[in-house]
Amino acid sequence: MAQQLVAEALVEQAMTQTGIDAFDNDSYREGLDVFVNDFNKGIAKGIYTEGGIQRVIHDCVHYLGNRLRVTNYLSYEPQLLQRKIERPVFVMGIPRTGTTLLSNLLAADPARRSPLEWEIDEPVPPATTETLKTDTRALAKIQQHKQMLEAHPEMGKIYRSSPIYPHECVWYLAHDFKTLMIES
């Protein structure tokens, strides 16, 4: 049987990788514990491959690491938490009902600002409006996405995405382990 996940070990691995040892709060912990407990039940039943388990470990450490990085960044830039967000628009719906299309249509308006896929994956330091599509992190993700599509062209037929397209907040919520994307 494969080795079980341990929530505290995932947290320690994220802290070691980032060199940051403090979270802003522990709101992520309940979701992480529930996920690890349920995932371990699947491991015990033998339903995951070793590669799948390693991917989950990588993703959990990535989400925890991003949370640590954001916490650290905000400790140096606390004024960002005071910025006014005027008239936010939220798109809500169940999967496969057109929410992605609507999000993309809204993001086409230059007066609006939607989080891009690469920004959710690497949120700090925040990009400027001028560098959204030229930031080195964006360019690296574009290259990575291109290689993924070259290796698996069928993926582009199922769901059209790009690191420089708007992305849903379910991926932001993954940093708090309160999203359906984790269990996918």
Protein backbone atom coordinates (compact mmCIF):
# COMPACT_ATOMS: atom_id res chain seq x y z
CA MET A 1 0.00 0.00 0.00
CA ALA A 2 1.20 3.51 -0.82
CA GLN A 3 2.21 5.86 1.94
CA GLN A 4 -0.61 7.98 3.39
CA LEU A 5 -0.60 11.76 3.24
CA VAL A 6 0.05 13.68 6.45
CA ALA A 7 -1.29 17.23 6.57
CA GLU A 8 1.45 18.50 8.86
CA ALA A 9 4.13 17.04 6.57
CA LEU A 10 2.60 18.89 3.60
CA VAL A 11 2.66 22.14 5.59
CA GLU A 12 6.28 21.55 6.62
CA GLN A 13 7.28 20.78 3.03
CA ALA A 14 5.69 24.05 1.83
CA MET A 15 7.48 25.98 4.57
CA THR A 16 10.79 24.35 3.67
CA GLN A 17 10.37 25.04 -0.06
CA THR A 18 9.43 28.69 0.44
CA GLY A 19 11.62 29.48 3.42
CA ILE A 20 8.54 31.09 5.01
CA ASP A 21 7.25 29.74 8.30
CA ALA A 22 4.08 31.71 9.05
CA PHE A 23 0.57 31.66 7.62
CA ASP A 24 -1.77 34.62 8.00
CA ASN A 25 -4.29 32.37 9.76
CA ASP A 26 -5.28 28.72 9.87
CA SER A 27 -8.50 28.94 7.84
CA TYR A 28 -6.98 26.50 5.33
CA ARG A 29 -6.48 23.80 7.94
CA GLU A 30 -10.00 22.36 8.13
CA GLY A 31 -10.20 21.92 4.36
CA LEU A 32 -6.70 20.44 4.21
CA ASP A 33 -7.48 17.98 7.00
CA VAL A 34 -10.79 16.90 5.40
CA PHE A 35 -9.11 16.47 2.02
CA VAL A 36 -6.15 14.50 3.39
CA ASN A 37 -8.47 12.24 5.40
CA ASP A 38 -10.66 11.48 2.38
CA PHE A 39 -7.71 11.09 0.02
CA ASN A 40 -6.08 8.64 2.42
CA LYS A 41 -9.24 6.51 2.30
CA GLY A 42 -8.74 6.28 -1.47
CA ILE A 43 -5.09 5.36 -1.00
CA ALA A 44 -6.11 2.60 1.41
CA LYS A 45 -8.52 1.25 -1.21
CA GLY A 46 -5.77 1.31 -3.83
CA ILE A 47 -7.62 3.58 -6.24
CA TYR A 48 -4.74 6.02 -6.88
CA THR A 49 -1.55 5.41 -8.81
CA GLU A 50 1.77 6.41 -7.29
CA GLY A 51 2.00 9.14 -9.95
CA GLY A 52 -1.44 10.42 -8.97
CA ILE A 53 -0.48 10.51 -5.31
CA GLN A 54 2.71 12.42 -6.11
CA ARG A 55 0.70 14.92 -8.19
CA VAL A 56 -1.66 15.52 -5.27
CA ILE A 57 1.27 16.05 -2.91
CA HIS A 58 2.79 18.51 -5.40
CA ASP A 59 -0.50 20.40 -5.74
CA CYS A 60 -1.10 20.59 -1.98
CA VAL A 61 2.42 21.86 -1.36
CA HIS A 62 1.99 24.35 -4.22
CA TYR A 63 -1.26 25.75 -2.78
CA LEU A 64 0.22 25.97 0.71
CA GLY A 65 3.38 27.56 -0.68
CA ASN A 66 1.38 30.19 -2.54
CA ARG A 67 -0.56 30.97 0.61
CA LEU A 68 2.73 31.42 2.49
CA ARG A 69 4.12 33.65 -0.29
CA VAL A 70 1.02 35.86 -0.31
CA THR A 71 1.08 36.14 3.49
CA ASN A 72 4.74 37.09 3.38
CA TYR A 73 4.23 39.60 0.57
CA LEU A 74 1.35 41.28 2.40
CA SER A 75 3.45 41.57 5.55
CA TYR A 76 5.68 43.95 3.54
CA GLU A 77 2.83 45.59 1.60
CA PRO A 78 -0.08 45.81 4.09
CA GLN A 79 -1.56 48.81 2.29
CA LEU A 80 -2.71 46.45 -0.48
CA LEU A 81 -5.38 45.16 1.89
CA GLN A 82 -6.80 48.69 2.12
CA ARG A 83 -7.27 49.18 -1.63
CA LYS A 84 -10.85 49.85 -2.55
CA ILE A 85 -12.53 47.40 -4.93
CA GLU A 86 -15.37 49.18 -6.64
CA ARG A 87 -18.42 47.34 -7.90
CA PRO A 88 -17.01 43.82 -8.19
CA VAL A 89 -18.85 41.41 -10.46
CA PHE A 90 -19.11 37.76 -9.50
CA VAL A 91 -20.09 35.06 -11.99
CA MET A 92 -21.63 32.04 -10.30
CA GLY A 93 -23.01 28.82 -11.68
CA ILE A 94 -22.56 25.11 -11.72
CA PRO A 95 -19.98 23.57 -14.08
CA ARG A 96 -20.75 23.37 -17.81
CA THR A 97 -23.37 26.17 -17.76
CA GLY A 98 -21.43 28.93 -19.54
CA THR A 99 -19.74 30.61 -16.60
CA THR A 100 -16.33 30.50 -18.30
CA LEU A 101 -17.76 32.06 -21.46
CA LEU A 102 -19.44 34.81 -19.45
CA SER A 103 -16.23 35.44 -17.48
CA ASN A 104 -14.29 35.77 -20.73
CA LEU A 105 -16.87 38.14 -22.21
CA LEU A 106 -16.77 40.35 -19.12
CA ALA A 107 -12.96 40.32 -19.14
CA ALA A 108 -12.95 41.58 -22.73
CA ASP A 109 -14.11 44.95 -21.39
CA PRO A 110 -10.95 47.04 -20.85
CA ALA A 111 -12.64 48.76 -17.89
CA ARG A 112 -12.76 45.43 -16.03
CA ARG A 113 -9.98 43.36 -14.56
CA SER A 114 -10.17 39.60 -14.20
CA PRO A 115 -7.48 37.39 -12.66
CA LEU A 116 -5.53 35.53 -15.33
CA GLU A 117 -4.65 31.86 -15.03
CA TRP A 118 -0.93 32.48 -14.55
CA GLU A 119 -1.60 35.07 -11.83
CA ILE A 120 -3.57 32.58 -9.77
CA ASP A 121 -0.74 30.09 -10.13
CA GLU A 122 1.94 32.65 -9.18
CA PRO A 123 0.15 35.49 -7.38
CA VAL A 124 3.04 37.47 -5.92
CA PRO A 125 4.40 39.89 -6.61
CA PRO A 126 1.26 41.11 -8.40
CA ALA A 127 1.60 42.01 -12.05
CA THR A 128 0.87 45.48 -13.33
CA THR A 129 -1.79 46.14 -15.94
CA GLU A 130 0.99 46.87 -18.42
CA THR A 131 2.79 43.56 -17.84
CA LEU A 132 -0.13 41.13 -17.63
CA LYS A 133 0.85 39.39 -20.85
CA THR A 134 4.58 40.10 -20.85
CA ASP A 135 5.56 39.25 -17.27
CA THR A 136 8.25 36.56 -17.29
CA ARG A 137 5.93 34.31 -15.25
CA ALA A 138 3.22 34.69 -17.90
CA LEU A 139 5.65 33.94 -20.72
CA ALA A 140 6.95 30.84 -18.92
CA LYS A 141 3.39 29.57 -18.37
CA ILE A 142 2.54 30.20 -22.03
CA GLN A 143 5.52 28.08 -23.08
CA GLN A 144 4.57 25.35 -20.59
CA HIS A 145 0.97 25.39 -21.89
CA LYS A 146 2.20 25.15 -25.50
CA GLN A 147 4.33 22.11 -24.64
CA MET A 148 1.39 20.48 -22.86
CA LEU A 149 -0.84 20.94 -25.92
CA GLU A 150 1.87 19.61 -28.23
CA ALA A 151 2.15 16.50 -26.06
CA HIS A 152 -1.64 16.14 -25.61
CA PRO A 153 -3.45 17.99 -28.45
CA GLU A 154 -6.79 16.48 -27.43
CA MET A 155 -6.76 18.64 -24.29
CA GLY A 156 -7.29 21.78 -26.35
CA LYS A 157 -10.49 20.30 -27.77
CA ILE A 158 -12.11 19.64 -24.40
CA TYR A 159 -11.56 22.94 -22.65
CA ARG A 160 -10.04 26.02 -24.21
CA SER A 161 -7.67 27.75 -21.84
CA SER A 162 -4.52 29.82 -21.79
CA PRO A 163 -2.30 31.22 -19.07
CA ILE A 164 -3.34 34.70 -20.25
CA TYR A 165 -7.09 34.01 -20.19
CA PRO A 166 -9.27 34.89 -17.20
CA HIS A 167 -9.61 32.07 -14.72
CA GLU A 168 -12.28 31.16 -12.20
CA CYS A 169 -11.94 31.87 -8.51
CA VAL A 170 -12.24 28.16 -7.67
CA TRP A 171 -8.48 28.06 -8.23
CA TYR A 172 -7.93 30.90 -5.74
CA LEU A 173 -10.06 29.00 -3.25
CA ALA A 174 -7.73 26.02 -3.61
CA HIS A 175 -5.22 28.01 -1.54
CA ASP A 176 -7.69 27.68 1.33
CA PHE A 177 -8.62 24.05 0.49
CA LYS A 178 -12.26 25.00 0.02
CA THR A 179 -12.98 24.27 -3.61
CA LEU A 180 -14.23 21.45 -5.78
CA MET A 181 -11.00 21.67 -7.80
CA ILE A 182 -9.07 19.85 -5.08
CA GLU A 183 -11.29 16.81 -5.20
CA SER A 184 -11.17 16.72 -9.00
